[in-house]
N, C-alpha and C. Protein backbone atom coordinates (compact mmCIF):
# COMPACT_ATOMS: atom_id res chain seq x y z
N MET A 1 17.48 4.82 1.35
CA MET A 1 16.51 5.59 2.09
C MET A 1 16.12 4.93 3.39
N SER A 2 16.88 4.04 3.89
CA SER A 2 16.48 3.30 5.04
C SER A 2 17.64 3.44 6.11
N ASP A 3 17.21 3.54 7.36
CA ASP A 3 18.23 3.61 8.39
C ASP A 3 18.48 2.22 8.97
N GLY A 4 17.98 1.14 8.26
CA GLY A 4 18.22 -0.18 8.65
C GLY A 4 17.22 -0.69 9.69
N ARG A 5 16.21 0.11 10.05
CA ARG A 5 15.20 -0.29 11.04
C ARG A 5 14.20 -1.22 10.39
N SER A 6 13.97 -2.32 11.02
CA SER A 6 13.02 -3.27 10.45
C SER A 6 12.50 -4.23 11.57
N LEU A 7 11.21 -4.58 11.45
CA LEU A 7 10.63 -5.54 12.37
C LEU A 7 9.88 -6.56 11.52
N SER A 8 9.77 -7.77 11.94
CA SER A 8 9.08 -8.78 11.20
C SER A 8 8.32 -9.77 12.13
N ILE A 9 7.20 -10.27 11.68
CA ILE A 9 6.47 -11.32 12.34
C ILE A 9 5.97 -12.24 11.24
N THR A 10 5.68 -13.48 11.63
CA THR A 10 5.15 -14.42 10.64
C THR A 10 3.78 -14.77 11.09
N ILE A 11 2.77 -14.72 10.17
CA ILE A 11 1.42 -15.08 10.39
C ILE A 11 1.13 -16.14 9.36
N GLY A 12 0.83 -17.37 9.82
CA GLY A 12 0.65 -18.49 8.92
C GLY A 12 1.98 -18.72 8.18
N SER A 13 1.94 -18.68 6.85
CA SER A 13 3.12 -18.82 6.03
C SER A 13 3.63 -17.50 5.45
N THR A 14 3.07 -16.40 5.96
CA THR A 14 3.39 -15.09 5.36
C THR A 14 4.25 -14.26 6.37
N LEU A 15 5.34 -13.72 5.89
CA LEU A 15 6.18 -12.81 6.67
C LEU A 15 5.65 -11.36 6.48
N LEU A 16 5.32 -10.72 7.62
CA LEU A 16 4.91 -9.32 7.59
C LEU A 16 6.13 -8.56 8.09
N THR A 17 6.52 -7.53 7.32
CA THR A 17 7.69 -6.78 7.64
C THR A 17 7.39 -5.28 7.74
N LEU A 18 7.93 -4.61 8.67
CA LEU A 18 7.84 -3.16 8.77
C LEU A 18 9.24 -2.69 8.52
N THR A 19 9.35 -1.72 7.64
CA THR A 19 10.68 -1.10 7.36
C THR A 19 10.52 0.37 7.13
N GLN A 20 11.53 1.12 7.56
CA GLN A 20 11.58 2.51 7.30
C GLN A 20 12.48 2.72 6.07
N GLY A 21 11.88 3.30 4.99
CA GLY A 21 12.68 3.47 3.80
C GLY A 21 11.89 4.09 2.67
N ASP A 22 12.44 3.87 1.48
CA ASP A 22 11.90 4.41 0.25
C ASP A 22 11.16 3.30 -0.48
N ILE A 23 9.86 3.40 -0.64
CA ILE A 23 9.05 2.31 -1.28
C ILE A 23 9.47 2.10 -2.74
N THR A 24 10.01 3.12 -3.37
CA THR A 24 10.37 2.95 -4.78
C THR A 24 11.63 2.07 -4.92
N GLN A 25 12.30 1.78 -3.85
CA GLN A 25 13.52 0.95 -3.90
C GLN A 25 13.27 -0.52 -3.50
N GLN A 26 12.04 -0.87 -3.27
CA GLN A 26 11.70 -2.23 -2.81
C GLN A 26 11.76 -3.18 -3.97
N GLU A 27 12.46 -4.33 -3.74
CA GLU A 27 12.53 -5.39 -4.68
C GLU A 27 11.49 -6.43 -4.32
N VAL A 28 10.26 -6.18 -4.82
CA VAL A 28 9.10 -7.02 -4.67
C VAL A 28 8.37 -7.21 -5.91
N ASP A 29 7.44 -8.15 -5.96
CA ASP A 29 6.61 -8.33 -7.14
C ASP A 29 5.76 -7.07 -7.43
N ALA A 30 5.18 -6.53 -6.36
CA ALA A 30 4.25 -5.38 -6.62
C ALA A 30 4.46 -4.35 -5.49
N ILE A 31 4.46 -3.09 -5.90
CA ILE A 31 4.44 -1.96 -5.05
C ILE A 31 3.12 -1.32 -5.07
N VAL A 32 2.50 -1.01 -3.94
CA VAL A 32 1.19 -0.36 -3.90
C VAL A 32 1.46 1.18 -3.89
N ASN A 33 0.76 1.84 -4.77
CA ASN A 33 0.87 3.30 -4.84
C ASN A 33 -0.42 3.90 -4.22
N ALA A 34 -0.19 4.82 -3.29
CA ALA A 34 -1.32 5.63 -2.69
C ALA A 34 -1.59 6.72 -3.71
N ALA A 35 -2.45 6.35 -4.65
CA ALA A 35 -2.77 7.23 -5.80
C ALA A 35 -3.92 8.13 -5.48
N ASN A 36 -4.18 9.10 -6.40
CA ASN A 36 -5.39 9.87 -6.32
C ASN A 36 -6.32 9.35 -7.42
N SER A 37 -7.57 9.67 -7.33
CA SER A 37 -8.57 9.09 -8.28
C SER A 37 -8.29 9.41 -9.74
N SER A 38 -7.55 10.47 -10.03
CA SER A 38 -7.26 10.83 -11.40
C SER A 38 -6.22 9.86 -12.05
N LEU A 39 -5.42 9.21 -11.19
CA LEU A 39 -4.36 8.30 -11.61
C LEU A 39 -3.27 9.06 -12.41
N LEU A 40 -3.20 10.34 -12.34
CA LEU A 40 -2.23 11.14 -13.09
C LEU A 40 -1.01 11.56 -12.31
N GLY A 41 -0.75 10.94 -11.20
CA GLY A 41 0.38 11.32 -10.37
C GLY A 41 0.03 12.42 -9.44
N GLY A 42 0.93 12.74 -8.52
CA GLY A 42 0.66 13.77 -7.55
C GLY A 42 1.81 13.94 -6.66
N GLY A 43 1.62 14.18 -5.39
CA GLY A 43 2.74 14.41 -4.43
C GLY A 43 2.96 13.16 -3.64
N GLY A 44 3.80 13.22 -2.64
CA GLY A 44 4.03 12.08 -1.77
C GLY A 44 4.47 10.84 -2.44
N VAL A 45 3.95 9.74 -1.97
CA VAL A 45 4.23 8.40 -2.50
C VAL A 45 3.86 8.32 -4.00
N ASP A 46 2.76 8.85 -4.37
CA ASP A 46 2.29 8.83 -5.77
C ASP A 46 3.29 9.51 -6.67
N GLY A 47 3.72 10.69 -6.36
CA GLY A 47 4.70 11.43 -7.17
C GLY A 47 6.06 10.66 -7.20
N ALA A 48 6.47 10.12 -6.03
CA ALA A 48 7.76 9.44 -6.00
C ALA A 48 7.72 8.17 -6.94
N ILE A 49 6.61 7.48 -6.90
CA ILE A 49 6.53 6.26 -7.75
C ILE A 49 6.53 6.62 -9.22
N HIS A 50 5.81 7.70 -9.61
CA HIS A 50 5.77 8.08 -10.94
C HIS A 50 7.10 8.57 -11.44
N ARG A 51 7.82 9.34 -10.54
CA ARG A 51 9.19 9.88 -10.95
C ARG A 51 10.17 8.70 -11.09
N ALA A 52 10.20 7.77 -10.11
CA ALA A 52 11.15 6.68 -10.16
C ALA A 52 10.83 5.70 -11.25
N GLY A 53 9.59 5.44 -11.49
CA GLY A 53 9.11 4.48 -12.51
C GLY A 53 9.19 4.95 -13.92
N GLY A 54 9.17 6.26 -14.12
CA GLY A 54 9.27 6.78 -15.47
C GLY A 54 7.90 6.95 -16.15
N PRO A 55 7.89 7.47 -17.37
CA PRO A 55 6.68 7.85 -18.04
C PRO A 55 5.77 6.72 -18.51
N SER A 56 6.28 5.50 -18.52
CA SER A 56 5.39 4.41 -18.96
C SER A 56 4.25 4.19 -18.01
N ILE A 57 4.48 4.39 -16.68
CA ILE A 57 3.41 4.28 -15.67
C ILE A 57 2.29 5.24 -15.96
N LEU A 58 2.64 6.48 -16.19
CA LEU A 58 1.64 7.55 -16.47
C LEU A 58 0.92 7.20 -17.75
N GLU A 59 1.59 6.73 -18.73
CA GLU A 59 0.87 6.38 -20.01
C GLU A 59 -0.16 5.21 -19.79
N GLU A 60 0.20 4.23 -18.97
CA GLU A 60 -0.75 3.14 -18.67
C GLU A 60 -1.95 3.69 -17.83
N CYS A 61 -1.60 4.57 -16.92
CA CYS A 61 -2.68 5.22 -16.10
C CYS A 61 -3.66 6.02 -16.97
N LYS A 62 -3.15 6.70 -17.97
CA LYS A 62 -3.97 7.44 -18.86
C LYS A 62 -4.86 6.52 -19.69
N ALA A 63 -4.33 5.39 -20.08
CA ALA A 63 -5.15 4.41 -20.82
C ALA A 63 -6.32 3.87 -19.95
N ILE A 64 -5.94 3.61 -18.65
CA ILE A 64 -7.00 3.15 -17.73
C ILE A 64 -8.08 4.25 -17.56
N ARG A 65 -7.67 5.47 -17.46
CA ARG A 65 -8.61 6.59 -17.36
C ARG A 65 -9.54 6.67 -18.54
N GLU A 66 -8.96 6.50 -19.72
CA GLU A 66 -9.77 6.51 -20.98
C GLU A 66 -10.84 5.42 -20.95
N LYS A 67 -10.42 4.29 -20.42
CA LYS A 67 -11.31 3.09 -20.38
C LYS A 67 -12.38 3.18 -19.30
N GLN A 68 -11.96 3.64 -18.06
CA GLN A 68 -12.94 3.59 -16.97
C GLN A 68 -13.10 4.86 -16.23
N GLY A 69 -12.42 5.94 -16.63
CA GLY A 69 -12.60 7.26 -15.98
C GLY A 69 -11.94 7.46 -14.63
N GLY A 70 -10.85 6.83 -14.39
CA GLY A 70 -10.13 7.01 -13.15
C GLY A 70 -10.29 5.85 -12.20
N CYS A 71 -10.05 6.04 -10.92
CA CYS A 71 -10.17 4.98 -9.98
C CYS A 71 -10.92 5.50 -8.73
N PRO A 72 -12.06 4.90 -8.40
CA PRO A 72 -12.82 5.39 -7.24
C PRO A 72 -12.12 5.05 -5.86
N THR A 73 -12.42 5.80 -4.86
CA THR A 73 -11.87 5.59 -3.57
C THR A 73 -12.14 4.21 -3.08
N GLY A 74 -11.12 3.56 -2.57
CA GLY A 74 -11.20 2.17 -2.09
C GLY A 74 -10.96 1.07 -3.14
N GLU A 75 -10.86 1.47 -4.42
CA GLU A 75 -10.66 0.54 -5.45
C GLU A 75 -9.15 0.51 -5.83
N ALA A 76 -8.77 -0.37 -6.78
CA ALA A 76 -7.34 -0.47 -7.21
C ALA A 76 -7.29 -0.88 -8.64
N VAL A 77 -6.23 -0.44 -9.30
CA VAL A 77 -5.90 -0.85 -10.73
C VAL A 77 -4.43 -1.15 -10.78
N VAL A 78 -4.04 -1.82 -11.85
CA VAL A 78 -2.62 -2.29 -11.97
C VAL A 78 -2.01 -1.79 -13.24
N THR A 79 -0.72 -1.33 -13.13
CA THR A 79 0.08 -1.03 -14.29
C THR A 79 1.39 -1.77 -14.16
N SER A 80 2.20 -1.72 -15.19
CA SER A 80 3.59 -2.23 -15.07
C SER A 80 4.35 -1.23 -14.15
N ALA A 81 5.53 -1.63 -13.85
CA ALA A 81 6.31 -0.81 -12.88
C ALA A 81 7.34 0.06 -13.49
N GLY A 82 7.41 0.10 -14.83
CA GLY A 82 8.39 0.97 -15.49
C GLY A 82 9.81 0.63 -15.09
N LYS A 83 10.53 1.62 -14.64
CA LYS A 83 11.93 1.43 -14.19
C LYS A 83 12.13 0.96 -12.77
N LEU A 84 11.03 0.78 -12.05
CA LEU A 84 11.12 0.29 -10.69
C LEU A 84 11.64 -1.14 -10.60
N LYS A 85 12.10 -1.57 -9.43
CA LYS A 85 12.57 -2.92 -9.24
C LYS A 85 11.42 -3.92 -9.17
N ALA A 86 10.23 -3.44 -8.95
CA ALA A 86 9.06 -4.30 -8.84
C ALA A 86 8.62 -4.70 -10.27
N ARG A 87 7.73 -5.65 -10.34
CA ARG A 87 7.13 -6.11 -11.67
C ARG A 87 5.99 -5.25 -12.02
N PHE A 88 5.17 -4.85 -11.04
CA PHE A 88 4.07 -3.95 -11.36
C PHE A 88 3.68 -3.08 -10.17
N VAL A 89 2.82 -2.08 -10.48
CA VAL A 89 2.37 -1.18 -9.43
C VAL A 89 0.84 -1.30 -9.37
N ILE A 90 0.36 -1.45 -8.08
CA ILE A 90 -1.04 -1.47 -7.80
C ILE A 90 -1.39 -0.14 -7.28
N HIS A 91 -2.21 0.60 -8.06
CA HIS A 91 -2.63 1.98 -7.69
C HIS A 91 -3.99 1.85 -6.93
N THR A 92 -3.97 2.37 -5.70
CA THR A 92 -5.20 2.31 -4.94
C THR A 92 -5.49 3.77 -4.39
N VAL A 93 -6.73 4.07 -4.26
CA VAL A 93 -7.12 5.41 -3.79
C VAL A 93 -7.69 5.28 -2.40
N GLY A 94 -6.98 5.88 -1.45
CA GLY A 94 -7.43 5.88 -0.10
C GLY A 94 -8.33 7.05 0.14
N PRO A 95 -9.06 7.06 1.24
CA PRO A 95 -10.01 8.18 1.54
C PRO A 95 -9.31 9.39 2.10
N VAL A 96 -9.90 10.51 1.84
CA VAL A 96 -9.49 11.78 2.46
C VAL A 96 -10.22 11.79 3.84
N TRP A 97 -9.49 12.06 4.94
CA TRP A 97 -10.08 12.09 6.21
C TRP A 97 -11.01 13.28 6.40
N LYS A 98 -12.22 13.05 6.80
CA LYS A 98 -13.18 14.11 7.00
C LYS A 98 -13.76 14.06 8.40
N GLY A 99 -12.95 13.58 9.35
CA GLY A 99 -13.40 13.48 10.74
C GLY A 99 -13.88 12.12 11.16
N GLY A 100 -14.02 11.22 10.28
CA GLY A 100 -14.39 9.84 10.62
C GLY A 100 -15.89 9.54 10.35
N SER A 101 -16.65 10.53 9.88
CA SER A 101 -18.06 10.26 9.70
C SER A 101 -18.47 10.08 8.20
N ALA A 102 -17.48 9.88 7.34
CA ALA A 102 -17.76 9.70 5.86
C ALA A 102 -17.31 8.35 5.38
N ASN A 103 -17.43 7.37 6.24
CA ASN A 103 -17.08 5.93 5.80
C ASN A 103 -15.60 5.76 5.56
N GLU A 104 -14.76 6.64 6.13
CA GLU A 104 -13.34 6.57 5.79
C GLU A 104 -12.68 5.25 6.21
N GLU A 105 -13.01 4.71 7.35
CA GLU A 105 -12.41 3.45 7.78
C GLU A 105 -12.73 2.31 6.86
N ASN A 106 -13.93 2.16 6.44
CA ASN A 106 -14.28 1.11 5.45
C ASN A 106 -13.64 1.28 4.11
N LEU A 107 -13.59 2.54 3.67
CA LEU A 107 -12.88 2.84 2.45
C LEU A 107 -11.39 2.55 2.46
N LEU A 108 -10.79 2.78 3.62
CA LEU A 108 -9.35 2.40 3.76
C LEU A 108 -9.19 0.93 3.79
N ARG A 109 -10.03 0.16 4.46
CA ARG A 109 -10.01 -1.27 4.44
C ARG A 109 -10.13 -1.79 3.03
N ASN A 110 -11.03 -1.23 2.28
CA ASN A 110 -11.24 -1.61 0.87
C ASN A 110 -10.01 -1.37 0.03
N ALA A 111 -9.34 -0.21 0.28
CA ALA A 111 -8.13 0.08 -0.51
C ALA A 111 -7.04 -0.97 -0.28
N TYR A 112 -6.88 -1.43 0.98
CA TYR A 112 -5.94 -2.54 1.29
C TYR A 112 -6.37 -3.82 0.71
N ARG A 113 -7.64 -4.14 0.96
CA ARG A 113 -8.19 -5.46 0.48
C ARG A 113 -8.16 -5.58 -1.01
N ASN A 114 -8.59 -4.50 -1.70
CA ASN A 114 -8.57 -4.59 -3.14
C ASN A 114 -7.17 -4.60 -3.77
N SER A 115 -6.20 -4.01 -3.06
CA SER A 115 -4.75 -4.06 -3.48
C SER A 115 -4.31 -5.52 -3.36
N LEU A 116 -4.64 -6.13 -2.23
CA LEU A 116 -4.25 -7.57 -2.01
C LEU A 116 -4.96 -8.48 -3.12
N GLU A 117 -6.16 -8.19 -3.38
CA GLU A 117 -6.83 -8.97 -4.43
C GLU A 117 -6.11 -8.82 -5.80
N LYS A 118 -5.74 -7.56 -6.11
CA LYS A 118 -5.02 -7.38 -7.42
C LYS A 118 -3.68 -8.16 -7.38
N ALA A 119 -2.98 -8.11 -6.22
CA ALA A 119 -1.76 -8.90 -6.15
C ALA A 119 -1.98 -10.38 -6.40
N ARG A 120 -3.08 -10.88 -5.81
CA ARG A 120 -3.40 -12.28 -5.97
C ARG A 120 -3.73 -12.63 -7.42
N GLU A 121 -4.47 -11.74 -8.06
CA GLU A 121 -4.80 -11.92 -9.52
C GLU A 121 -3.56 -11.97 -10.38
N LYS A 122 -2.50 -11.20 -9.97
CA LYS A 122 -1.26 -11.13 -10.73
C LYS A 122 -0.23 -12.17 -10.27
N SER A 123 -0.64 -13.06 -9.34
CA SER A 123 0.22 -14.08 -8.82
C SER A 123 1.43 -13.54 -8.10
N ALA A 124 1.27 -12.38 -7.48
CA ALA A 124 2.39 -11.78 -6.72
C ALA A 124 2.54 -12.61 -5.42
N THR A 125 3.82 -12.76 -5.05
CA THR A 125 4.07 -13.40 -3.77
C THR A 125 4.72 -12.43 -2.78
N THR A 126 5.21 -11.30 -3.22
CA THR A 126 5.77 -10.28 -2.41
C THR A 126 5.14 -8.87 -2.75
N LEU A 127 4.85 -8.13 -1.73
CA LEU A 127 4.03 -6.88 -1.92
C LEU A 127 4.53 -5.85 -0.90
N ALA A 128 4.60 -4.58 -1.34
CA ALA A 128 5.06 -3.53 -0.44
C ALA A 128 3.94 -2.44 -0.41
N PHE A 129 3.47 -2.09 0.75
CA PHE A 129 2.45 -1.07 0.98
C PHE A 129 3.08 0.17 1.57
N PRO A 130 2.66 1.34 1.15
CA PRO A 130 2.94 2.60 1.92
C PRO A 130 1.90 2.76 2.97
N SER A 131 1.96 3.78 3.77
CA SER A 131 0.89 4.10 4.78
C SER A 131 -0.19 4.91 4.02
N ILE A 132 -1.17 4.22 3.47
CA ILE A 132 -2.18 4.84 2.64
C ILE A 132 -3.02 5.85 3.38
N SER A 133 -3.20 7.00 2.82
CA SER A 133 -4.06 8.11 3.28
C SER A 133 -3.56 8.88 4.49
N THR A 134 -2.39 8.61 4.99
CA THR A 134 -1.92 9.26 6.20
C THR A 134 -1.06 10.49 5.95
N GLY A 135 -0.83 10.77 4.66
CA GLY A 135 -0.04 12.03 4.29
C GLY A 135 -1.04 13.21 4.15
N VAL A 136 -1.03 13.75 2.87
CA VAL A 136 -1.88 14.93 2.67
C VAL A 136 -3.40 14.62 2.73
N TYR A 137 -3.77 13.35 2.76
CA TYR A 137 -5.18 13.01 2.92
C TYR A 137 -5.64 13.04 4.35
N GLY A 138 -4.69 13.12 5.31
CA GLY A 138 -4.97 13.46 6.65
C GLY A 138 -5.59 12.41 7.55
N PHE A 139 -5.57 11.15 7.12
CA PHE A 139 -6.13 10.08 7.95
C PHE A 139 -5.19 9.92 9.13
N PRO A 140 -5.64 9.93 10.36
CA PRO A 140 -4.79 9.79 11.51
C PRO A 140 -3.99 8.44 11.45
N ILE A 141 -2.71 8.53 11.50
CA ILE A 141 -1.85 7.33 11.26
C ILE A 141 -2.05 6.31 12.35
N GLU A 142 -2.36 6.67 13.60
CA GLU A 142 -2.54 5.65 14.60
C GLU A 142 -3.75 4.76 14.29
N ARG A 143 -4.77 5.38 13.74
CA ARG A 143 -5.97 4.63 13.35
C ARG A 143 -5.74 3.87 12.12
N ALA A 144 -5.15 4.51 11.10
CA ALA A 144 -4.87 3.94 9.81
C ALA A 144 -3.97 2.70 9.90
N SER A 145 -2.93 2.84 10.73
CA SER A 145 -2.01 1.68 10.86
C SER A 145 -2.73 0.40 11.35
N LYS A 146 -3.59 0.59 12.33
CA LYS A 146 -4.32 -0.58 12.87
C LYS A 146 -5.28 -1.19 11.81
N ILE A 147 -5.92 -0.32 11.01
CA ILE A 147 -6.77 -0.81 9.97
C ILE A 147 -5.97 -1.55 8.90
N ALA A 148 -4.84 -0.98 8.53
CA ALA A 148 -3.96 -1.57 7.50
C ALA A 148 -3.48 -2.98 7.95
N PHE A 149 -2.97 -3.04 9.20
CA PHE A 149 -2.41 -4.28 9.71
C PHE A 149 -3.50 -5.35 9.86
N ALA A 150 -4.66 -4.94 10.41
CA ALA A 150 -5.73 -5.92 10.64
C ALA A 150 -6.24 -6.41 9.30
N THR A 151 -6.42 -5.56 8.33
CA THR A 151 -6.89 -6.01 6.99
C THR A 151 -5.98 -6.96 6.33
N VAL A 152 -4.66 -6.64 6.41
CA VAL A 152 -3.63 -7.55 5.80
C VAL A 152 -3.63 -8.89 6.51
N ARG A 153 -3.68 -8.81 7.85
CA ARG A 153 -3.61 -10.10 8.67
C ARG A 153 -4.82 -10.91 8.34
N GLU A 154 -5.97 -10.37 8.25
CA GLU A 154 -7.23 -11.11 7.94
C GLU A 154 -7.14 -11.73 6.56
N TYR A 155 -6.65 -10.95 5.62
CA TYR A 155 -6.56 -11.44 4.23
C TYR A 155 -5.63 -12.57 4.11
N ILE A 156 -4.44 -12.50 4.70
CA ILE A 156 -3.43 -13.58 4.49
C ILE A 156 -3.83 -14.83 5.26
N ARG A 157 -4.68 -14.70 6.25
CA ARG A 157 -5.16 -15.92 6.95
C ARG A 157 -6.14 -16.66 6.02
N THR A 158 -6.81 -15.96 5.13
CA THR A 158 -7.75 -16.55 4.16
C THR A 158 -7.12 -16.98 2.90
N TYR A 159 -6.15 -16.11 2.42
CA TYR A 159 -5.44 -16.35 1.17
C TYR A 159 -3.95 -16.36 1.46
N PRO A 160 -3.37 -17.51 1.79
CA PRO A 160 -1.93 -17.53 2.24
C PRO A 160 -0.91 -17.61 1.09
N HIS A 161 -1.27 -17.08 -0.14
CA HIS A 161 -0.33 -17.13 -1.23
C HIS A 161 0.82 -16.26 -1.13
N LEU A 162 0.74 -15.18 -0.31
CA LEU A 162 1.82 -14.21 -0.23
C LEU A 162 2.93 -14.68 0.68
N HIS A 163 4.15 -14.60 0.22
CA HIS A 163 5.30 -15.00 1.02
C HIS A 163 5.66 -13.84 2.00
N GLU A 164 5.55 -12.58 1.47
CA GLU A 164 5.89 -11.43 2.33
C GLU A 164 5.03 -10.26 1.99
N VAL A 165 4.54 -9.54 2.99
CA VAL A 165 3.94 -8.26 2.78
C VAL A 165 4.74 -7.24 3.65
N ARG A 166 5.25 -6.20 2.98
CA ARG A 166 6.02 -5.19 3.69
C ARG A 166 5.14 -3.90 3.85
N PHE A 167 5.31 -3.32 4.98
CA PHE A 167 4.77 -2.01 5.29
C PHE A 167 6.01 -1.10 5.23
N VAL A 168 6.10 -0.24 4.25
CA VAL A 168 7.25 0.63 4.04
C VAL A 168 6.88 2.06 4.42
N VAL A 169 7.39 2.50 5.52
CA VAL A 169 7.06 3.89 6.00
C VAL A 169 8.34 4.78 5.82
N PHE A 170 8.08 6.02 5.59
CA PHE A 170 9.15 6.96 5.29
C PHE A 170 9.78 7.56 6.48
N SER A 171 9.04 7.91 7.53
CA SER A 171 9.59 8.63 8.70
C SER A 171 9.77 7.78 9.89
N ARG A 172 10.62 8.20 10.74
CA ARG A 172 10.86 7.58 12.04
C ARG A 172 9.57 7.55 12.84
N HIS A 173 8.87 8.68 12.83
CA HIS A 173 7.57 8.74 13.55
C HIS A 173 6.61 7.66 13.06
N ASP A 174 6.45 7.48 11.79
CA ASP A 174 5.54 6.45 11.28
C ASP A 174 6.03 5.03 11.67
N PHE A 175 7.31 4.83 11.64
CA PHE A 175 7.83 3.50 12.09
C PHE A 175 7.50 3.25 13.51
N GLU A 176 7.55 4.27 14.39
CA GLU A 176 7.22 4.15 15.82
C GLU A 176 5.74 3.87 15.96
N VAL A 177 4.94 4.42 15.18
CA VAL A 177 3.48 4.21 15.26
C VAL A 177 3.15 2.79 14.89
N TYR A 178 3.73 2.26 13.81
CA TYR A 178 3.44 0.89 13.36
C TYR A 178 4.07 -0.20 14.27
N SER A 179 5.18 0.14 14.85
CA SER A 179 6.01 -0.87 15.61
C SER A 179 5.15 -1.75 16.58
N PRO A 180 4.33 -1.17 17.45
CA PRO A 180 3.59 -2.06 18.38
C PRO A 180 2.75 -3.11 17.72
N LEU A 181 2.29 -2.91 16.53
CA LEU A 181 1.52 -3.90 15.79
C LEU A 181 2.36 -5.14 15.47
N PHE A 182 3.63 -4.93 15.25
CA PHE A 182 4.53 -6.01 14.95
C PHE A 182 5.02 -6.74 16.17
N ARG A 183 4.84 -6.11 17.36
CA ARG A 183 5.22 -6.83 18.60
C ARG A 183 4.03 -7.64 19.08
N ASP A 184 2.79 -7.11 18.83
CA ASP A 184 1.58 -7.71 19.33
C ASP A 184 0.65 -8.26 18.28
N GLY A 185 1.05 -8.19 17.02
CA GLY A 185 0.15 -8.37 15.91
C GLY A 185 -0.35 -9.79 15.64
N ALA A 186 0.21 -10.84 16.26
CA ALA A 186 -0.25 -12.16 15.92
C ALA A 186 -1.49 -12.52 16.71
N GLY A 187 -1.84 -11.68 17.65
CA GLY A 187 -3.00 -11.98 18.51
C GLY A 187 -4.34 -11.77 17.77
N PRO A 188 -5.42 -11.83 18.53
CA PRO A 188 -6.75 -11.60 17.95
C PRO A 188 -6.91 -10.18 17.43
N PRO A 189 -7.79 -9.94 16.50
CA PRO A 189 -8.04 -8.61 15.89
C PRO A 189 -8.39 -7.52 16.87
């Protein structure tokens, strides 16, 4: 599901990669799922990960729900990856866009930061992110991409344990929106 388009930059000891493709096909330690708070699967990236990973992911999500009642916006939980090529899935809930006045930017930062923290807790060295909240949740991708990139960049400067962080986008349009960040991304925030 990739047309071979890819960009990379190195920040510290971490390779940041942008690729257009299918996140379910990434061979990384952890794939981040743009989940909903119910953790029961859905459309978009969430549905694709559940379908490709198989029923074990849903069963683990149900167990998490029984224990803590779902996942609040901006938080993250971890399951195994089922049939995916990754070792585990980090499920994070991004905010629904409400015009920018409902703390959406901070909640999106938290979704990325908490996913990175879960990866660190699991000793992951490679991680793949989708474009969180930019699908049916309606977060403007131009704004979301800058928040995602800046949050990851800030995190890896503090915690350089990750060898690679991939931003895996599905469409050509999304690739074009993220591309300038990879050309200019090593500069100040």
